[in-house]
Amino acid sequence: MNFINHQNCGQIIFTQKLNIMENIKILRGKTGAGMVDCKKALDESGNDINKAIEILRKKGIAKAAQRSDREAAEGVIKVALSSDAKTGYLVEINAETDFVVRSEKFQMFAEKVVRLIMEKQPKDLVELMTLNFDHSTIKENLDSLSGVIGEKLDIKRYEMLNSAGTVAVYSHMGGRIGVLVALDKEGQSDIAYDVAMQIAAANPKYIRPEDILADEINKEKEIYKEQLLREGKPENMIEKIMAGKLAKFYEEVCLIKQEYIKDDSKKVEDILGHVKVERFIRYSL
């Protein structure tokens, strides 16, 4: 009995060590900090990765947390646009290997799915998977193709974007990134396409500063203040320096405040003029 308990205890400890090592690996990938610093931050945070990121940033030994993790799965992101530029479609279809993604069977399936999406306009992924497809459903065809190819295939996500103004779509890196964007005025396809390209390249999180939740801004301020105090900056200068840091933060995460990728002397808001961005969706593999 003691031997069994000993064995179980050893297994638990081993599993815990594996979990800690995995969290250190994740934290290093998100922050660029060293292994020892990551281990200390995880110990201090009770193994909470998000809290550990804050601890490292406050100590000035971590870059800002990445806004989105890269997906491990291979696949392709397909975009499509209605002829009147009022509706855009975005779908991610996955396989286990790039070899399968590039295969004729997979690419033909993906193209058929896009054509069906444009024809039937499913409202969400659940409805998409039940659409009629070659005398069965998309889900059944996907499972059948998975059996033929010998890899797990999946349609991970799908969205449709409508506007009374102008919608544009953009695909980058052979389907590794896909973007939909809606502007509030009609006949703006050229500007909308440029904005979609900007979103693909610069990966904004919000459209404008006022879209950011107060909690997120307060957290950034707290981190900046801690950094500045550690640097020995005088108390009466901290607010002024923080204002500059916040402006830089807005330039990173807010679309309209970003440098325009085609002309870095301008901001995106400059090229928009009186046109407003209603919404955007960005998928990345």
Protein backbone atom coordinates (compact mmCIF):
# COMPACT_ATOMS: atom_id res chain seq x y z
CA MET A 1 0.00 0.00 0.00
CA ASN A 2 2.80 2.38 0.92
CA PHE A 3 4.55 1.47 -2.33
CA ILE A 4 1.42 2.35 -4.32
CA ASN A 5 1.03 5.67 -2.50
CA HIS A 6 4.70 6.39 -3.11
CA GLN A 7 4.24 5.61 -6.77
CA ASN A 8 1.18 7.86 -7.05
CA CYS A 9 2.95 10.67 -5.21
CA GLY A 10 5.92 10.38 -7.58
CA GLN A 11 3.63 10.53 -10.60
CA ILE A 12 1.89 13.66 -9.26
CA ILE A 13 5.23 15.41 -8.66
CA PHE A 14 6.42 14.43 -12.14
CA THR A 15 3.21 15.81 -13.71
CA GLN A 16 3.51 19.04 -11.74
CA LYS A 17 7.09 19.50 -12.93
CA LEU A 18 6.00 18.96 -16.52
CA ASN A 19 3.25 21.58 -16.11
CA ILE A 20 5.73 24.07 -14.63
CA MET A 21 8.20 23.51 -17.49
CA GLU A 22 5.42 23.92 -20.04
CA ASN A 23 4.31 27.20 -18.41
CA ILE A 24 7.90 28.47 -18.39
CA LYS A 25 8.11 27.69 -22.11
CA ILE A 26 4.84 29.54 -22.80
CA LEU A 27 5.90 32.52 -20.68
CA ARG A 28 9.28 32.76 -22.43
CA GLY A 29 7.53 32.72 -25.80
CA LYS A 30 5.14 35.49 -24.75
CA THR A 31 7.66 37.79 -23.04
CA GLY A 32 11.16 37.01 -24.30
CA ALA A 33 12.37 36.85 -20.67
CA GLY A 34 14.97 34.33 -19.47
CA MET A 35 14.16 30.96 -17.91
CA VAL A 36 15.18 31.95 -14.37
CA ASP A 37 13.11 35.17 -14.48
CA CYS A 38 10.12 33.25 -15.86
CA LYS A 39 10.41 30.63 -13.10
CA LYS A 40 10.53 33.33 -10.39
CA ALA A 41 7.55 35.18 -11.89
CA LEU A 42 5.50 31.98 -12.06
CA ASP A 43 6.36 31.15 -8.44
CA GLU A 44 5.33 34.67 -7.40
CA SER A 45 2.08 34.53 -9.38
CA GLY A 46 1.03 31.06 -8.22
CA ASN A 47 1.68 29.65 -11.70
CA ASP A 48 -0.72 32.16 -13.33
CA ILE A 49 0.76 33.05 -16.74
CA ASN A 50 -1.09 36.37 -17.17
CA LYS A 51 -0.07 37.58 -13.71
CA ALA A 52 3.49 36.42 -14.38
CA ILE A 53 3.55 38.55 -17.55
CA GLU A 54 2.53 41.60 -15.51
CA ILE A 55 5.24 40.88 -12.91
CA LEU A 56 7.92 40.64 -15.59
CA ARG A 57 6.75 43.78 -17.34
CA LYS A 58 6.74 45.75 -14.08
CA LYS A 59 10.32 44.65 -13.50
CA GLY A 60 11.19 45.91 -16.97
CA ILE A 61 12.50 42.53 -18.13
CA ALA A 62 9.70 41.61 -20.50
CA LYS A 63 8.28 43.02 -23.67
CA ALA A 64 4.52 43.61 -23.89
CA ALA A 65 2.49 40.42 -23.96
CA GLN A 66 1.70 39.24 -27.46
CA ARG A 67 -1.85 40.13 -28.38
CA SER A 68 -2.58 36.78 -29.98
CA ASP A 69 -0.90 33.42 -29.87
CA ARG A 70 0.07 31.82 -33.13
CA GLU A 71 -2.02 28.79 -33.96
CA ALA A 72 -0.20 25.46 -34.07
CA ALA A 73 -2.50 23.96 -36.70
CA GLU A 74 -1.75 24.18 -40.42
CA GLY A 75 -4.45 25.35 -42.75
CA VAL A 76 -5.69 28.01 -45.11
CA ILE A 77 -7.76 31.15 -44.54
CA LYS A 78 -10.11 31.94 -47.41
CA VAL A 79 -11.76 35.31 -48.06
CA ALA A 80 -14.55 36.22 -50.46
CA LEU A 81 -16.47 39.39 -51.32
CA SER A 82 -19.95 39.91 -52.79
CA SER A 83 -20.16 41.67 -56.16
CA ASP A 84 -21.70 44.80 -54.57
CA ALA A 85 -18.90 45.04 -51.92
CA LYS A 86 -21.51 44.88 -49.14
CA THR A 87 -20.70 41.44 -47.69
CA GLY A 88 -17.40 39.76 -46.91
CA TYR A 89 -16.74 36.16 -45.87
CA LEU A 90 -13.86 34.69 -43.87
CA VAL A 91 -13.29 30.99 -43.16
CA GLU A 92 -10.39 28.98 -41.71
CA ILE A 93 -9.98 25.36 -42.84
CA ASN A 94 -7.36 23.25 -41.06
CA ALA A 95 -5.29 20.11 -41.55
CA GLU A 96 -2.41 18.64 -39.55
CA THR A 97 0.37 19.29 -42.09
CA ASP A 98 1.27 21.87 -44.70
CA PHE A 99 1.73 19.00 -47.19
CA VAL A 100 -2.00 18.20 -46.99
CA VAL A 101 -3.00 21.88 -47.11
CA ARG A 102 -1.16 22.24 -50.43
CA SER A 103 -2.71 19.08 -51.88
CA GLU A 104 -5.21 19.31 -54.74
CA LYS A 105 -7.96 17.51 -52.79
CA PHE A 106 -7.75 19.92 -49.84
CA GLN A 107 -7.61 23.03 -52.04
CA MET A 108 -10.57 21.87 -54.15
CA PHE A 109 -12.59 21.21 -50.99
CA ALA A 110 -11.72 24.68 -49.65
CA GLU A 111 -12.79 26.37 -52.91
CA LYS A 112 -16.10 24.49 -52.91
CA VAL A 113 -16.77 25.54 -49.32
CA VAL A 114 -16.17 29.21 -50.20
CA ARG A 115 -18.51 29.04 -53.19
CA LEU A 116 -21.20 27.43 -51.04
CA ILE A 117 -20.74 30.09 -48.34
CA MET A 118 -21.28 32.87 -50.89
CA GLU A 119 -24.36 31.13 -52.26
CA LYS A 120 -26.05 30.16 -48.98
CA GLN A 121 -24.66 32.83 -46.60
CA PRO A 122 -24.75 30.77 -43.38
CA LYS A 123 -25.08 32.94 -40.28
CA ASP A 124 -22.48 31.04 -38.24
CA LEU A 125 -20.14 28.03 -38.17
CA VAL A 126 -22.84 25.65 -36.88
CA GLU A 127 -25.09 26.45 -39.85
CA LEU A 128 -22.13 26.27 -42.24
CA MET A 129 -21.31 22.71 -41.19
CA THR A 130 -24.89 21.55 -41.94
CA LEU A 131 -25.08 22.99 -45.47
CA ASN A 132 -25.83 20.52 -48.27
CA PHE A 133 -22.60 19.55 -50.03
CA ASP A 134 -22.41 16.84 -52.74
CA HIS A 135 -25.52 14.97 -51.51
CA SER A 136 -24.49 15.16 -47.83
CA THR A 137 -23.32 17.96 -45.49
CA ILE A 138 -20.07 19.89 -45.28
CA LYS A 139 -19.37 18.14 -41.95
CA GLU A 140 -19.88 14.68 -43.47
CA ASN A 141 -17.74 15.54 -46.50
CA LEU A 142 -15.01 16.87 -44.22
CA ASP A 143 -15.02 13.63 -42.20
CA SER A 144 -14.96 11.55 -45.38
CA LEU A 145 -12.06 13.54 -46.85
CA SER A 146 -10.24 13.19 -43.53
CA GLY A 147 -10.49 9.42 -43.84
CA VAL A 148 -9.19 9.48 -47.43
CA ILE A 149 -6.26 11.79 -46.65
CA GLY A 150 -5.41 10.20 -43.30
CA GLU A 151 -5.29 13.45 -41.30
CA LYS A 152 -7.75 15.21 -39.05
CA LEU A 153 -9.41 18.06 -40.97
CA ASP A 154 -11.47 20.83 -39.44
CA ILE A 155 -13.24 24.09 -40.20
CA LYS A 156 -12.21 26.02 -37.13
CA ARG A 157 -14.01 29.34 -37.60
CA TYR A 158 -16.16 31.33 -40.00
CA GLU A 159 -17.58 34.85 -40.04
CA MET A 160 -19.58 37.07 -42.36
CA LEU A 161 -19.42 40.89 -42.32
CA ASN A 162 -22.21 43.07 -43.75
CA SER A 163 -22.32 46.84 -44.24
CA ALA A 164 -24.51 49.47 -45.89
CA GLY A 165 -21.19 51.19 -46.71
CA THR A 166 -18.21 49.35 -48.20
CA VAL A 167 -16.67 46.00 -47.31
CA ALA A 168 -13.20 44.90 -48.44
CA VAL A 169 -11.32 41.63 -48.04
CA TYR A 170 -7.60 40.92 -48.05
CA SER A 171 -5.57 37.71 -48.06
CA HIS A 172 -1.86 37.61 -47.23
CA MET A 173 0.96 35.05 -47.25
CA GLY A 174 -0.94 32.56 -49.38
CA GLY A 175 -3.86 32.34 -46.99
CA ARG A 176 -1.95 32.53 -43.68
CA ILE A 177 -3.74 35.81 -42.83
CA GLY A 178 -7.23 36.95 -43.86
CA VAL A 179 -9.02 40.23 -43.16
CA LEU A 180 -12.52 41.69 -43.52
CA VAL A 181 -13.15 45.40 -42.95
CA ALA A 182 -16.30 47.54 -43.22
CA LEU A 183 -16.35 51.32 -43.83
CA ASP A 184 -19.42 53.46 -43.24
CA LYS A 185 -19.64 55.02 -46.72
CA GLU A 186 -20.36 53.50 -50.14
CA GLY A 187 -17.92 53.53 -53.04
CA GLN A 188 -14.79 53.35 -50.87
CA SER A 189 -13.34 50.07 -52.17
CA ASP A 190 -9.82 51.43 -52.74
CA ILE A 191 -9.48 52.90 -49.24
CA ALA A 192 -11.17 49.85 -47.69
CA TYR A 193 -8.69 47.53 -49.41
CA ASP A 194 -5.74 49.62 -48.15
CA VAL A 195 -7.16 49.54 -44.61
CA ALA A 196 -7.61 45.75 -44.85
CA MET A 197 -3.95 45.49 -45.91
CA GLN A 198 -2.98 47.67 -42.91
CA ILE A 199 -4.89 45.38 -40.54
CA ALA A 200 -3.17 42.31 -42.00
CA ALA A 201 0.29 43.86 -41.59
CA ALA A 202 -0.05 45.75 -38.28
CA ASN A 203 -2.56 43.54 -36.39
CA PRO A 204 -4.45 46.24 -34.44
CA LYS A 205 -6.60 45.16 -31.52
CA TYR A 206 -9.06 48.06 -31.56
CA ILE A 207 -10.33 50.64 -34.06
CA ARG A 208 -9.88 53.73 -31.86
CA PRO A 209 -8.58 54.58 -28.33
CA GLU A 210 -12.10 55.03 -26.91
CA ASP A 211 -12.81 51.36 -27.72
CA ILE A 212 -10.26 50.21 -25.12
CA LEU A 213 -11.72 49.17 -21.77
CA ALA A 214 -10.76 51.37 -18.81
CA ASP A 215 -9.40 48.33 -16.95
CA GLU A 216 -6.87 47.66 -19.73
CA ILE A 217 -5.71 51.28 -19.80
CA ASN A 218 -5.40 51.36 -15.99
CA LYS A 219 -3.34 48.16 -16.09
CA GLU A 220 -0.97 49.70 -18.67
CA LYS A 221 -0.64 52.85 -16.53
CA GLU A 222 0.17 50.73 -13.48
CA ILE A 223 2.89 48.88 -15.41
CA TYR A 224 4.37 52.12 -16.80
CA LYS A 225 4.42 53.74 -13.35
CA GLU A 226 6.18 50.74 -11.82
CA GLN A 227 8.77 50.79 -14.62
CA LEU A 228 9.41 54.52 -14.25
CA LEU A 229 9.76 54.32 -10.47
CA ARG A 230 12.28 51.51 -10.87
CA GLU A 231 14.19 53.69 -13.33
CA GLY A 232 14.36 56.42 -10.67
CA LYS A 233 12.25 58.96 -12.55
CA PRO A 234 11.07 61.89 -10.34
CA GLU A 235 7.46 61.66 -9.18
CA ASN A 236 6.49 64.99 -10.74
CA MET A 237 7.63 63.78 -14.20
CA ILE A 238 5.92 60.40 -14.17
CA GLU A 239 2.46 61.57 -15.32
CA LYS A 240 3.95 63.45 -18.27
CA ILE A 241 6.10 60.48 -19.32
CA MET A 242 3.14 58.11 -18.88
CA ALA A 243 1.05 60.26 -21.27
CA GLY A 244 3.70 59.72 -23.93
CA LYS A 245 3.82 55.98 -23.25
CA LEU A 246 0.02 55.76 -23.53
CA ALA A 247 0.11 57.58 -26.86
CA LYS A 248 2.65 55.02 -28.06
CA PHE A 249 0.40 52.22 -26.76
CA TYR A 250 -2.52 53.62 -28.79
CA GLU A 251 -0.33 53.67 -31.90
CA GLU A 252 0.37 49.97 -31.43
CA VAL A 253 -3.13 48.67 -30.68
CA CYS A 254 -5.54 51.17 -32.32
CA LEU A 255 -6.00 51.00 -36.08
CA ILE A 256 -6.63 54.69 -36.74
CA LYS A 257 -3.60 55.76 -34.69
CA GLN A 258 -1.16 53.43 -36.46
CA GLU A 259 1.43 54.61 -38.98
CA TYR A 260 0.02 54.03 -42.45
CA ILE A 261 2.04 51.21 -44.02
CA LYS A 262 2.13 52.86 -47.47
CA ASP A 263 3.30 56.23 -46.13
CA ASP A 264 4.82 56.41 -42.64
CA SER A 265 4.43 60.20 -42.57
CA LYS A 266 0.68 59.64 -42.17
CA LYS A 267 -1.60 57.90 -39.71
CA VAL A 268 -4.45 55.65 -40.84
CA GLU A 269 -6.93 58.31 -39.64
CA ASP A 270 -5.34 60.73 -42.13
CA ILE A 271 -6.08 58.53 -45.13
CA LEU A 272 -9.61 57.81 -43.90
CA GLY A 273 -10.64 61.47 -43.79
CA HIS A 274 -14.39 61.60 -43.08
CA VAL A 275 -14.82 57.86 -43.63
CA LYS A 276 -15.14 55.71 -40.49
CA VAL A 277 -14.18 52.09 -39.89
CA GLU A 278 -17.26 50.25 -38.61
CA ARG A 279 -15.69 46.88 -37.84
CA PHE A 280 -12.86 44.56 -38.83
CA ILE A 281 -12.11 40.84 -38.45
CA ARG A 282 -8.62 39.37 -38.75
CA TYR A 283 -7.71 35.66 -38.82
CA SER A 284 -4.14 34.44 -38.60
CA LEU A 285 -2.61 30.96 -38.67
